[in-house]
């Protein structure tokens, strides 16, 4: 990747985006050394203009940004990094340095919650209880929720329909996880179909 660091007196702007939700998390700057360290270590490292030194995001807080992919813009003078954030990104404790709505991304957050329940089971949690019943029961639940969603769409209130559609989506995410898949697999398949 050839980046033109000369345009900005040795610095280029870096936009960091959540790899899963695509939410913009922060903006920072890199010099050549920061870029090389980021590539070598897999953690986003900036050049801090206020501290006048390299600064790895999370070096004090532990809230690192793990690099998933790096993209350079068409003019070779701006970097986009898609990262997996560990904890909040902003020094204020917010998940992003920008005050953006999160509702459109909650489906991805829900998928993260389901993943966490798999990695760190909680004995009495719904997910843990359903997992013990096995794949057939989880798949059956998706079918039940699908039927309830159709009934609500045809004969119940909008609020009922939203509730049933939410239950269906939750259980579908759960089933995807049980099958070792994610919503990204579905999104990529839909994108291929659209072409």
N, C-alpha and C. Protein backbone atom coordinates (compact mmCIF):
# COMPACT_ATOMS: atom_id res chain seq x y z
N UNK A 1 0.84 -1.19 0.00
CA UNK A 1 0.00 0.00 0.00
C UNK A 1 0.88 1.24 0.00
N UNK A 2 0.72 2.04 -1.01
CA UNK A 2 1.51 3.27 -1.13
C UNK A 2 0.68 4.44 -0.63
N UNK A 3 1.08 4.99 0.48
CA UNK A 3 0.36 6.10 1.09
C UNK A 3 1.19 7.36 0.93
N UNK A 4 0.53 8.44 0.54
CA UNK A 4 1.22 9.72 0.33
C UNK A 4 1.23 10.51 1.64
N UNK A 5 2.26 10.28 2.46
CA UNK A 5 2.39 11.00 3.72
C UNK A 5 2.87 12.43 3.53
N UNK A 6 3.40 12.74 2.35
CA UNK A 6 3.96 14.08 2.11
C UNK A 6 2.89 15.16 2.03
N UNK A 7 1.70 14.81 1.55
CA UNK A 7 0.63 15.81 1.39
C UNK A 7 0.29 16.51 2.70
N UNK A 8 0.31 15.76 3.80
CA UNK A 8 -0.09 16.32 5.09
C UNK A 8 1.09 16.53 6.02
N UNK A 9 2.23 16.88 5.45
CA UNK A 9 3.44 17.10 6.26
C UNK A 9 3.77 15.89 7.13
N UNK A 10 3.66 14.71 6.54
CA UNK A 10 4.05 13.49 7.23
C UNK A 10 2.91 12.77 7.94
N UNK A 11 1.73 13.38 7.97
CA UNK A 11 0.58 12.77 8.63
C UNK A 11 -0.57 12.57 7.65
N UNK A 12 -1.32 11.48 7.85
CA UNK A 12 -2.54 11.27 7.08
C UNK A 12 -3.68 10.99 8.04
N UNK A 13 -4.90 11.43 7.70
CA UNK A 13 -6.04 11.13 8.57
C UNK A 13 -6.42 9.65 8.45
N UNK A 14 -6.89 9.10 9.57
CA UNK A 14 -7.29 7.69 9.64
C UNK A 14 -8.69 7.62 10.25
N UNK A 15 -9.61 7.10 9.47
CA UNK A 15 -10.96 6.87 9.96
C UNK A 15 -11.02 5.42 10.44
N UNK A 16 -11.50 5.22 11.66
CA UNK A 16 -11.64 3.87 12.19
C UNK A 16 -13.13 3.53 12.26
N UNK A 17 -13.45 2.39 11.68
CA UNK A 17 -14.83 1.94 11.57
C UNK A 17 -14.96 0.56 12.22
N UNK A 18 -16.05 0.33 12.94
CA UNK A 18 -16.31 -0.98 13.51
C UNK A 18 -16.51 -1.97 12.37
N UNK A 19 -15.72 -3.02 12.38
CA UNK A 19 -15.77 -4.00 11.29
C UNK A 19 -17.12 -4.67 11.16
N UNK A 20 -17.83 -4.82 12.25
CA UNK A 20 -19.10 -5.53 12.20
C UNK A 20 -20.27 -4.59 11.95
N UNK A 21 -20.37 -3.52 12.72
CA UNK A 21 -21.53 -2.64 12.61
C UNK A 21 -21.35 -1.55 11.56
N UNK A 22 -20.11 -1.32 11.14
CA UNK A 22 -19.72 -0.27 10.20
C UNK A 22 -19.86 1.13 10.79
N UNK A 23 -20.07 1.21 12.08
CA UNK A 23 -20.16 2.50 12.75
C UNK A 23 -18.79 3.17 12.76
N UNK A 24 -18.75 4.47 12.47
CA UNK A 24 -17.50 5.21 12.55
C UNK A 24 -17.19 5.43 14.02
N UNK A 25 -16.01 4.97 14.45
CA UNK A 25 -15.64 5.02 15.86
C UNK A 25 -14.81 6.26 16.21
N UNK A 26 -13.86 6.61 15.35
CA UNK A 26 -13.00 7.75 15.67
C UNK A 26 -12.20 8.17 14.45
N UNK A 27 -11.54 9.30 14.59
CA UNK A 27 -10.62 9.82 13.59
C UNK A 27 -9.30 10.09 14.29
N UNK A 28 -8.21 9.69 13.68
CA UNK A 28 -6.88 9.98 14.22
C UNK A 28 -5.93 10.24 13.07
N UNK A 29 -4.64 10.32 13.39
CA UNK A 29 -3.63 10.58 12.37
C UNK A 29 -2.49 9.58 12.51
N UNK A 30 -1.90 9.24 11.38
CA UNK A 30 -0.74 8.34 11.39
C UNK A 30 0.39 8.97 10.60
N UNK A 31 1.60 8.70 11.08
CA UNK A 31 2.78 8.93 10.26
C UNK A 31 3.23 7.56 9.77
N UNK A 32 4.34 7.51 9.05
CA UNK A 32 4.83 6.23 8.53
C UNK A 32 5.08 5.22 9.63
N UNK A 33 5.69 5.66 10.71
CA UNK A 33 6.02 4.76 11.82
C UNK A 33 4.77 4.18 12.47
N UNK A 34 3.75 5.01 12.67
CA UNK A 34 2.49 4.55 13.27
C UNK A 34 1.80 3.54 12.35
N UNK A 35 1.85 3.80 11.05
CA UNK A 35 1.23 2.89 10.09
C UNK A 35 1.93 1.54 10.11
N UNK A 36 3.26 1.56 10.12
CA UNK A 36 4.02 0.30 10.15
C UNK A 36 3.76 -0.48 11.44
N UNK A 37 3.69 0.22 12.56
CA UNK A 37 3.43 -0.45 13.84
C UNK A 37 2.03 -1.06 13.84
N UNK A 38 1.07 -0.34 13.28
CA UNK A 38 -0.30 -0.85 13.17
C UNK A 38 -0.33 -2.13 12.35
N UNK A 39 0.36 -2.13 11.23
CA UNK A 39 0.40 -3.33 10.38
C UNK A 39 1.09 -4.50 11.08
N UNK A 40 2.20 -4.21 11.75
CA UNK A 40 2.99 -5.27 12.38
C UNK A 40 2.32 -5.88 13.60
N UNK A 41 1.66 -5.04 14.42
CA UNK A 41 1.10 -5.51 15.68
C UNK A 41 -0.39 -5.84 15.63
N UNK A 42 -1.08 -5.34 14.60
CA UNK A 42 -2.51 -5.62 14.48
C UNK A 42 -3.39 -4.80 15.41
N UNK A 43 -2.80 -3.80 16.07
CA UNK A 43 -3.55 -2.88 16.93
C UNK A 43 -3.37 -1.48 16.33
N UNK A 44 -4.45 -0.70 16.31
CA UNK A 44 -4.38 0.63 15.72
C UNK A 44 -3.49 1.53 16.57
N UNK A 45 -2.47 2.08 15.92
CA UNK A 45 -1.55 3.01 16.56
C UNK A 45 -1.56 4.32 15.78
N UNK A 46 -1.72 5.40 16.49
CA UNK A 46 -1.74 6.72 15.87
C UNK A 46 -0.47 7.49 16.20
N UNK A 47 -0.32 8.61 15.51
CA UNK A 47 0.66 9.59 15.93
C UNK A 47 -0.13 10.67 16.65
N UNK A 48 0.13 10.83 17.94
CA UNK A 48 -0.59 11.83 18.73
C UNK A 48 0.05 13.19 18.51
N UNK A 49 -0.73 14.11 17.97
CA UNK A 49 -0.22 15.46 17.73
C UNK A 49 -0.05 16.22 19.04
N UNK A 50 -0.89 15.93 20.04
CA UNK A 50 -0.77 16.64 21.31
C UNK A 50 0.38 16.10 22.17
N UNK A 51 0.62 14.78 22.09
CA UNK A 51 1.70 14.18 22.88
C UNK A 51 3.02 14.12 22.11
N UNK A 52 2.92 14.36 20.81
CA UNK A 52 4.09 14.37 19.93
C UNK A 52 4.83 13.02 19.98
N UNK A 53 4.04 11.93 19.92
CA UNK A 53 4.62 10.58 19.95
C UNK A 53 3.62 9.57 19.41
N UNK A 54 4.09 8.33 19.21
CA UNK A 54 3.17 7.26 18.82
C UNK A 54 2.27 6.93 20.00
N UNK A 55 1.04 6.57 19.69
CA UNK A 55 0.06 6.26 20.72
C UNK A 55 -0.82 5.12 20.22
N UNK A 56 -0.72 3.96 20.87
CA UNK A 56 -1.58 2.83 20.53
C UNK A 56 -2.89 3.00 21.29
N UNK A 57 -3.97 3.03 20.54
CA UNK A 57 -5.29 3.17 21.16
C UNK A 57 -5.50 2.02 22.13
N UNK A 58 -5.75 2.35 23.40
CA UNK A 58 -5.98 1.34 24.42
C UNK A 58 -4.76 1.03 25.26
N UNK A 59 -3.65 1.72 25.00
CA UNK A 59 -2.42 1.40 25.74
C UNK A 59 -2.58 1.63 27.24
N UNK A 60 -3.46 2.54 27.63
CA UNK A 60 -3.71 2.77 29.05
C UNK A 60 -5.01 2.13 29.51
N UNK A 61 -6.04 2.21 28.69
CA UNK A 61 -7.37 1.73 29.09
C UNK A 61 -7.58 0.23 28.83
N UNK A 62 -6.81 -0.31 27.91
CA UNK A 62 -7.05 -1.70 27.49
C UNK A 62 -8.11 -1.81 26.41
N UNK A 63 -8.67 -0.68 25.99
CA UNK A 63 -9.70 -0.66 24.96
C UNK A 63 -9.06 -0.56 23.57
N UNK A 64 -8.42 -1.65 23.17
CA UNK A 64 -7.70 -1.67 21.91
C UNK A 64 -8.66 -1.72 20.72
N UNK A 65 -8.13 -1.35 19.57
CA UNK A 65 -8.81 -1.50 18.29
C UNK A 65 -8.00 -2.49 17.48
N UNK A 66 -8.51 -3.72 17.33
CA UNK A 66 -7.79 -4.75 16.59
C UNK A 66 -8.12 -4.66 15.11
N UNK A 67 -7.09 -4.54 14.29
CA UNK A 67 -7.24 -4.33 12.86
C UNK A 67 -7.83 -5.55 12.18
N UNK A 68 -8.89 -5.33 11.42
CA UNK A 68 -9.47 -6.38 10.59
C UNK A 68 -9.10 -6.17 9.12
N UNK A 69 -9.09 -4.91 8.67
CA UNK A 69 -8.66 -4.62 7.29
C UNK A 69 -8.27 -3.15 7.20
N UNK A 70 -7.43 -2.87 6.21
CA UNK A 70 -6.95 -1.50 5.97
C UNK A 70 -7.23 -1.16 4.51
N UNK A 71 -7.77 0.04 4.30
CA UNK A 71 -8.11 0.50 2.96
C UNK A 71 -7.56 1.91 2.77
N UNK A 72 -7.06 2.17 1.59
CA UNK A 72 -6.52 3.50 1.26
C UNK A 72 -7.47 4.14 0.25
N UNK A 73 -7.70 5.44 0.40
CA UNK A 73 -8.62 6.11 -0.52
C UNK A 73 -7.98 6.31 -1.90
N UNK A 74 -8.77 6.81 -2.83
CA UNK A 74 -8.35 6.93 -4.23
C UNK A 74 -7.19 7.90 -4.43
N UNK A 75 -6.98 8.85 -3.50
CA UNK A 75 -5.88 9.81 -3.61
C UNK A 75 -4.65 9.37 -2.81
N UNK A 76 -4.74 8.22 -2.17
CA UNK A 76 -3.64 7.67 -1.38
C UNK A 76 -3.22 8.57 -0.22
N UNK A 77 -4.17 9.33 0.32
CA UNK A 77 -3.81 10.23 1.42
C UNK A 77 -4.76 10.15 2.62
N UNK A 78 -5.60 9.13 2.64
CA UNK A 78 -6.49 8.89 3.78
C UNK A 78 -6.62 7.39 3.97
N UNK A 79 -6.64 6.97 5.22
CA UNK A 79 -6.73 5.54 5.54
C UNK A 79 -8.06 5.24 6.22
N UNK A 80 -8.66 4.15 5.83
CA UNK A 80 -9.84 3.61 6.52
C UNK A 80 -9.42 2.29 7.14
N UNK A 81 -9.60 2.17 8.44
CA UNK A 81 -9.30 0.93 9.13
C UNK A 81 -10.60 0.38 9.69
N UNK A 82 -10.91 -0.86 9.31
CA UNK A 82 -12.02 -1.57 9.92
C UNK A 82 -11.42 -2.38 11.05
N UNK A 83 -11.99 -2.21 12.25
CA UNK A 83 -11.39 -2.79 13.45
C UNK A 83 -12.43 -3.43 14.34
N UNK A 84 -11.95 -4.31 15.19
CA UNK A 84 -12.79 -4.88 16.24
C UNK A 84 -12.45 -4.14 17.52
N UNK A 85 -13.38 -3.33 18.04
CA UNK A 85 -13.10 -2.60 19.28
C UNK A 85 -13.26 -3.49 20.50
N UNK A 86 -12.35 -3.32 21.44
CA UNK A 86 -12.47 -3.99 22.73
C UNK A 86 -12.86 -2.92 23.73
N UNK A 87 -14.10 -2.91 24.12
CA UNK A 87 -14.60 -1.87 25.02
C UNK A 87 -14.91 -0.59 24.26
N UNK A 88 -15.23 0.47 25.01
CA UNK A 88 -15.55 1.74 24.38
C UNK A 88 -14.33 2.34 23.68
N UNK A 89 -14.57 3.04 22.59
CA UNK A 89 -13.48 3.66 21.84
C UNK A 89 -13.14 5.04 22.39
N UNK A 90 -14.15 5.82 22.75
CA UNK A 90 -13.93 7.21 23.17
C UNK A 90 -13.41 7.29 24.60
N UNK A 91 -12.58 8.29 24.86
CA UNK A 91 -12.05 8.50 26.21
C UNK A 91 -13.15 8.87 27.21
N UNK A 92 -14.33 9.25 26.70
CA UNK A 92 -15.45 9.58 27.58
C UNK A 92 -16.18 8.34 28.07
N UNK A 93 -15.82 7.18 27.49
CA UNK A 93 -16.51 5.94 27.84
C UNK A 93 -17.58 5.54 26.84
N UNK A 94 -17.77 6.36 25.80
CA UNK A 94 -18.74 6.03 24.76
C UNK A 94 -18.13 5.07 23.75
N UNK A 95 -19.00 4.31 23.09
CA UNK A 95 -18.50 3.33 22.13
C UNK A 95 -17.89 4.01 20.91
N UNK A 96 -18.27 5.26 20.64
CA UNK A 96 -17.76 6.01 19.49
C UNK A 96 -17.46 7.44 19.93
N UNK A 97 -16.52 8.07 19.23
CA UNK A 97 -16.23 9.48 19.51
C UNK A 97 -17.30 10.39 18.91
N UNK A 98 -18.18 9.82 18.10
CA UNK A 98 -19.26 10.57 17.48
C UNK A 98 -20.57 10.16 18.12
N UNK A 99 -21.42 11.10 18.39
CA UNK A 99 -22.69 10.80 19.04
C UNK A 99 -23.73 10.41 17.99
N UNK A 100 -23.61 9.19 17.50
CA UNK A 100 -24.53 8.70 16.49
C UNK A 100 -25.50 7.71 17.11
N UNK A 101 -26.69 7.61 16.52
CA UNK A 101 -27.67 6.64 16.98
C UNK A 101 -27.13 5.24 16.78
N UNK A 102 -27.51 4.34 17.66
CA UNK A 102 -27.02 2.96 17.58
C UNK A 102 -28.11 1.98 17.18
N UNK A 103 -29.35 2.44 17.10
CA UNK A 103 -30.46 1.52 16.84
C UNK A 103 -30.27 0.67 15.60
N UNK A 104 -29.80 1.28 14.52
CA UNK A 104 -29.66 0.54 13.28
C UNK A 104 -28.59 -0.54 13.38
N UNK A 105 -27.76 -0.45 14.37
CA UNK A 105 -26.70 -1.43 14.54
C UNK A 105 -26.98 -2.41 15.68
N UNK A 106 -28.13 -2.32 16.32
CA UNK A 106 -28.36 -3.18 17.47
C UNK A 106 -28.44 -4.66 17.09
N UNK A 107 -28.82 -4.95 15.87
CA UNK A 107 -28.86 -6.35 15.45
C UNK A 107 -27.46 -6.96 15.56
N UNK A 108 -26.44 -6.19 15.18
CA UNK A 108 -25.07 -6.67 15.31
C UNK A 108 -24.67 -6.80 16.77
N UNK A 109 -25.12 -5.85 17.59
CA UNK A 109 -24.84 -5.93 19.03
C UNK A 109 -25.52 -7.16 19.62
N UNK A 110 -26.74 -7.44 19.19
CA UNK A 110 -27.44 -8.63 19.65
C UNK A 110 -26.68 -9.89 19.26
N UNK A 111 -26.16 -9.91 18.05
CA UNK A 111 -25.35 -11.05 17.62
C UNK A 111 -24.12 -11.19 18.53
N UNK A 112 -23.51 -10.07 18.91
CA UNK A 112 -22.37 -10.11 19.84
C UNK A 112 -22.78 -10.66 21.20
N UNK A 113 -23.96 -10.29 21.66
CA UNK A 113 -24.46 -10.79 22.95
C UNK A 113 -24.65 -12.30 22.88
N UNK A 114 -25.23 -12.78 21.79
CA UNK A 114 -25.42 -14.22 21.61
C UNK A 114 -24.06 -14.93 21.58
N UNK A 115 -23.11 -14.36 20.84
CA UNK A 115 -21.76 -14.93 20.79
C UNK A 115 -21.15 -15.00 22.19
N UNK A 116 -21.34 -13.94 22.95
CA UNK A 116 -20.79 -13.91 24.30
C UNK A 116 -21.43 -14.98 25.18
N UNK A 117 -22.71 -15.23 25.01
CA UNK A 117 -23.38 -16.27 25.79
C UNK A 117 -22.84 -17.66 25.45
N UNK A 118 -22.39 -17.82 24.20
CA UNK A 118 -21.77 -19.09 23.82
C UNK A 118 -20.39 -19.23 24.46
N UNK A 119 -19.63 -18.14 24.43
CA UNK A 119 -18.26 -18.17 24.95
C UNK A 119 -18.22 -18.16 26.47
N UNK A 120 -19.19 -17.49 27.09
CA UNK A 120 -19.25 -17.36 28.55
C UNK A 120 -20.66 -17.73 29.02
N UNK A 121 -20.98 -19.01 29.00
CA UNK A 121 -22.35 -19.43 29.33
C UNK A 121 -22.78 -18.98 30.72
N UNK A 122 -24.03 -18.56 30.81
CA UNK A 122 -24.65 -18.23 32.09
C UNK A 122 -25.70 -19.31 32.34
N UNK A 123 -25.57 -19.99 33.44
CA UNK A 123 -26.35 -21.20 33.71
C UNK A 123 -27.85 -21.03 33.45
N UNK A 124 -28.45 -19.98 33.97
CA UNK A 124 -29.90 -19.83 33.86
C UNK A 124 -30.35 -18.98 32.67
N UNK A 125 -29.43 -18.62 31.78
CA UNK A 125 -29.83 -17.78 30.65
C UNK A 125 -30.67 -18.59 29.66
N UNK A 126 -31.51 -17.88 28.94
CA UNK A 126 -32.38 -18.51 27.95
C UNK A 126 -31.54 -19.25 26.90
N UNK A 127 -30.49 -18.60 26.43
CA UNK A 127 -29.65 -19.20 25.40
C UNK A 127 -29.02 -20.50 25.90
N UNK A 128 -28.52 -20.49 27.10
CA UNK A 128 -27.90 -21.69 27.65
C UNK A 128 -28.92 -22.83 27.78
N UNK A 129 -30.11 -22.52 28.26
CA UNK A 129 -31.15 -23.54 28.40
C UNK A 129 -31.55 -24.13 27.04
N UNK A 130 -31.69 -23.24 26.03
CA UNK A 130 -32.06 -23.71 24.69
C UNK A 130 -30.94 -24.53 24.06
N UNK A 131 -29.70 -24.14 24.27
CA UNK A 131 -28.57 -24.89 23.71
C UNK A 131 -28.55 -26.32 24.23
N UNK A 132 -28.90 -26.47 25.49
CA UNK A 132 -28.92 -27.81 26.08
C UNK A 132 -29.98 -28.70 25.43
N UNK A 133 -31.03 -28.07 24.87
CA UNK A 133 -32.08 -28.84 24.20
C UNK A 133 -31.70 -29.23 22.78
N UNK A 134 -30.68 -28.54 22.21
CA UNK A 134 -30.13 -28.95 20.93
C UNK A 134 -30.65 -28.19 19.71
N UNK A 135 -30.03 -28.50 18.59
CA UNK A 135 -30.32 -27.84 17.31
C UNK A 135 -31.79 -27.97 16.91
N UNK A 136 -32.36 -29.15 17.06
CA UNK A 136 -33.76 -29.34 16.63
C UNK A 136 -34.70 -28.38 17.35
N UNK A 137 -34.50 -28.19 18.65
CA UNK A 137 -35.38 -27.29 19.42
C UNK A 137 -35.17 -25.84 19.00
N UNK A 138 -33.93 -25.46 18.76
CA UNK A 138 -33.65 -24.08 18.33
C UNK A 138 -34.29 -23.82 16.97
N UNK A 139 -34.13 -24.77 16.04
CA UNK A 139 -34.72 -24.63 14.71
C UNK A 139 -36.26 -24.60 14.80
N UNK A 140 -36.82 -25.45 15.65
CA UNK A 140 -38.27 -25.48 15.84
C UNK A 140 -38.78 -24.13 16.34
N UNK A 141 -38.01 -23.51 17.23
CA UNK A 141 -38.40 -22.21 17.79
C UNK A 141 -38.46 -21.15 16.70
N UNK A 142 -37.52 -21.20 15.74
CA UNK A 142 -37.55 -20.26 14.62
C UNK A 142 -38.85 -20.46 13.83
N UNK A 143 -39.23 -21.72 13.60
CA UNK A 143 -40.48 -21.99 12.89
C UNK A 143 -41.69 -21.46 13.64
N UNK A 144 -41.73 -21.68 14.95
CA UNK A 144 -42.84 -21.18 15.77
C UNK A 144 -42.93 -19.66 15.69
N UNK A 145 -41.79 -19.01 15.83
CA UNK A 145 -41.79 -17.54 15.79
C UNK A 145 -42.17 -17.03 14.41
N UNK A 146 -41.79 -17.77 13.36
CA UNK A 146 -42.19 -17.38 12.00
C UNK A 146 -43.70 -17.40 11.83
N UNK A 147 -44.33 -18.47 12.34
CA UNK A 147 -45.79 -18.58 12.26
C UNK A 147 -46.45 -17.47 13.07
N UNK A 148 -45.94 -17.22 14.27
CA UNK A 148 -46.50 -16.15 15.11
C UNK A 148 -46.34 -14.78 14.46
N UNK A 149 -45.26 -14.58 13.72
CA UNK A 149 -45.05 -13.31 13.02
C UNK A 149 -46.08 -13.14 11.91
N UNK A 150 -46.34 -14.21 11.16
CA UNK A 150 -47.35 -14.16 10.10
C UNK A 150 -48.73 -13.86 10.68
N UNK A 151 -49.09 -14.54 11.75
CA UNK A 151 -50.39 -14.32 12.39
C UNK A 151 -50.52 -12.87 12.86
N UNK A 152 -49.46 -12.36 13.49
CA UNK A 152 -49.50 -10.97 13.97
C UNK A 152 -49.62 -9.99 12.81
N UNK A 153 -48.94 -10.28 11.69
CA UNK A 153 -49.02 -9.40 10.52
C UNK A 153 -50.44 -9.34 9.95
N UNK A 154 -51.13 -10.46 10.03
CA UNK A 154 -52.46 -10.54 9.42
C UNK A 154 -53.60 -10.15 10.35
N UNK A 155 -53.43 -10.34 11.65
CA UNK A 155 -54.60 -10.21 12.52
C UNK A 155 -54.37 -9.47 13.83
N UNK A 156 -53.17 -8.94 14.06
CA UNK A 156 -52.91 -8.29 15.34
C UNK A 156 -52.42 -6.86 15.13
N UNK A 157 -52.11 -6.20 16.22
CA UNK A 157 -51.69 -4.80 16.15
C UNK A 157 -50.26 -4.68 15.61
N UNK A 158 -49.90 -3.48 15.24
CA UNK A 158 -48.54 -3.22 14.77
C UNK A 158 -47.52 -3.54 15.87
N UNK A 159 -47.86 -3.19 17.10
CA UNK A 159 -46.98 -3.47 18.23
C UNK A 159 -46.77 -4.98 18.40
N UNK A 160 -47.85 -5.75 18.26
CA UNK A 160 -47.73 -7.21 18.34
C UNK A 160 -46.84 -7.75 17.23
N UNK A 161 -47.05 -7.21 16.03
CA UNK A 161 -46.25 -7.65 14.88
C UNK A 161 -44.77 -7.35 15.10
N UNK A 162 -44.46 -6.15 15.59
CA UNK A 162 -43.06 -5.79 15.86
C UNK A 162 -42.47 -6.73 16.90
N UNK A 163 -43.24 -7.03 17.92
CA UNK A 163 -42.77 -7.95 18.96
C UNK A 163 -42.47 -9.33 18.42
N UNK A 164 -43.37 -9.86 17.60
CA UNK A 164 -43.17 -11.20 17.04
C UNK A 164 -42.03 -11.22 16.03
N UNK A 165 -41.93 -10.15 15.21
CA UNK A 165 -40.82 -10.07 14.25
C UNK A 165 -39.48 -9.99 14.99
N UNK A 166 -39.47 -9.30 16.12
CA UNK A 166 -38.25 -9.22 16.94
C UNK A 166 -37.88 -10.59 17.49
N UNK A 167 -38.87 -11.34 17.98
CA UNK A 167 -38.62 -12.69 18.47
C UNK A 167 -38.07 -13.58 17.36
N UNK A 168 -38.64 -13.45 16.16
CA UNK A 168 -38.19 -14.25 15.02
C UNK A 168 -36.73 -13.92 14.68
N UNK A 169 -36.41 -12.65 14.63
CA UNK A 169 -35.04 -12.25 14.28
C UNK A 169 -34.05 -12.73 15.33
N UNK A 170 -34.41 -12.59 16.61
CA UNK A 170 -33.53 -13.07 17.68
C UNK A 170 -33.26 -14.57 17.52
N UNK A 171 -34.31 -15.34 17.32
CA UNK A 171 -34.14 -16.79 17.22
C UNK A 171 -33.40 -17.20 15.94
N UNK A 172 -33.57 -16.42 14.88
CA UNK A 172 -32.81 -16.69 13.66
C UNK A 172 -31.32 -16.45 13.89
N UNK A 173 -30.98 -15.36 14.58
CA UNK A 173 -29.57 -15.10 14.92
C UNK A 173 -29.01 -16.22 15.79
N UNK A 174 -29.82 -16.68 16.72
CA UNK A 174 -29.45 -17.78 17.61
C UNK A 174 -29.18 -19.05 16.78
N UNK A 175 -30.07 -19.36 15.84
CA UNK A 175 -29.90 -20.54 15.00
C UNK A 175 -28.66 -20.42 14.13
N UNK A 176 -28.42 -19.24 13.58
CA UNK A 176 -27.21 -19.02 12.79
C UNK A 176 -25.97 -19.33 13.62
N UNK A 177 -25.93 -18.84 14.85
CA UNK A 177 -24.79 -19.10 15.72
C UNK A 177 -24.65 -20.60 15.99
N UNK A 178 -25.75 -21.25 16.25
CA UNK A 178 -25.71 -22.69 16.51
C UNK A 178 -25.15 -23.47 15.31
N UNK A 179 -25.39 -22.95 14.11
CA UNK A 179 -24.89 -23.58 12.89
C UNK A 179 -23.48 -23.08 12.53
N UNK A 180 -22.90 -22.22 13.38
CA UNK A 180 -21.55 -21.74 13.12
C UNK A 180 -21.48 -20.64 12.07
N UNK A 181 -22.58 -19.93 11.87
CA UNK A 181 -22.66 -18.86 10.87
C UNK A 181 -22.95 -17.53 11.56
N UNK A 182 -22.93 -16.46 10.77
CA UNK A 182 -23.25 -15.14 11.30
C UNK A 182 -24.14 -14.40 10.32
N UNK A 183 -24.62 -13.26 10.75
CA UNK A 183 -25.46 -12.45 9.87
C UNK A 183 -24.66 -11.95 8.67
N UNK A 184 -23.35 -11.86 8.79
CA UNK A 184 -22.51 -11.46 7.65
C UNK A 184 -22.61 -12.48 6.52
N UNK A 185 -22.71 -13.76 6.85
CA UNK A 185 -22.88 -14.77 5.80
C UNK A 185 -24.17 -14.53 5.02
N UNK A 186 -25.22 -14.17 5.73
CA UNK A 186 -26.50 -13.91 5.07
C UNK A 186 -26.42 -12.65 4.23
N UNK A 187 -25.80 -11.60 4.78
CA UNK A 187 -25.67 -10.33 4.05
C UNK A 187 -24.87 -10.52 2.76
N UNK A 188 -23.79 -11.28 2.83
CA UNK A 188 -22.97 -11.52 1.63
C UNK A 188 -23.74 -12.32 0.59
N UNK A 189 -24.53 -13.28 1.04
CA UNK A 189 -25.34 -14.06 0.12
C UNK A 189 -26.41 -13.19 -0.56
N UNK A 190 -27.03 -12.33 0.22
CA UNK A 190 -28.04 -11.42 -0.34
C UNK A 190 -27.40 -10.46 -1.34
N UNK A 191 -26.20 -10.00 -1.02
CA UNK A 191 -25.48 -9.10 -1.93
C UNK A 191 -25.17 -9.81 -3.24
N UNK A 192 -24.72 -11.06 -3.17
CA UNK A 192 -24.45 -11.84 -4.39
C UNK A 192 -25.71 -12.01 -5.22
N UNK A 193 -26.83 -12.29 -4.56
CA UNK A 193 -28.10 -12.47 -5.28
C UNK A 193 -28.55 -11.20 -5.98
N UNK A 194 -28.22 -10.07 -5.38
CA UNK A 194 -28.67 -8.78 -5.92
C UNK A 194 -27.95 -8.43 -7.21
N UNK A 195 -26.73 -8.95 -7.39
CA UNK A 195 -25.92 -8.56 -8.56
C UNK A 195 -26.43 -9.14 -9.83
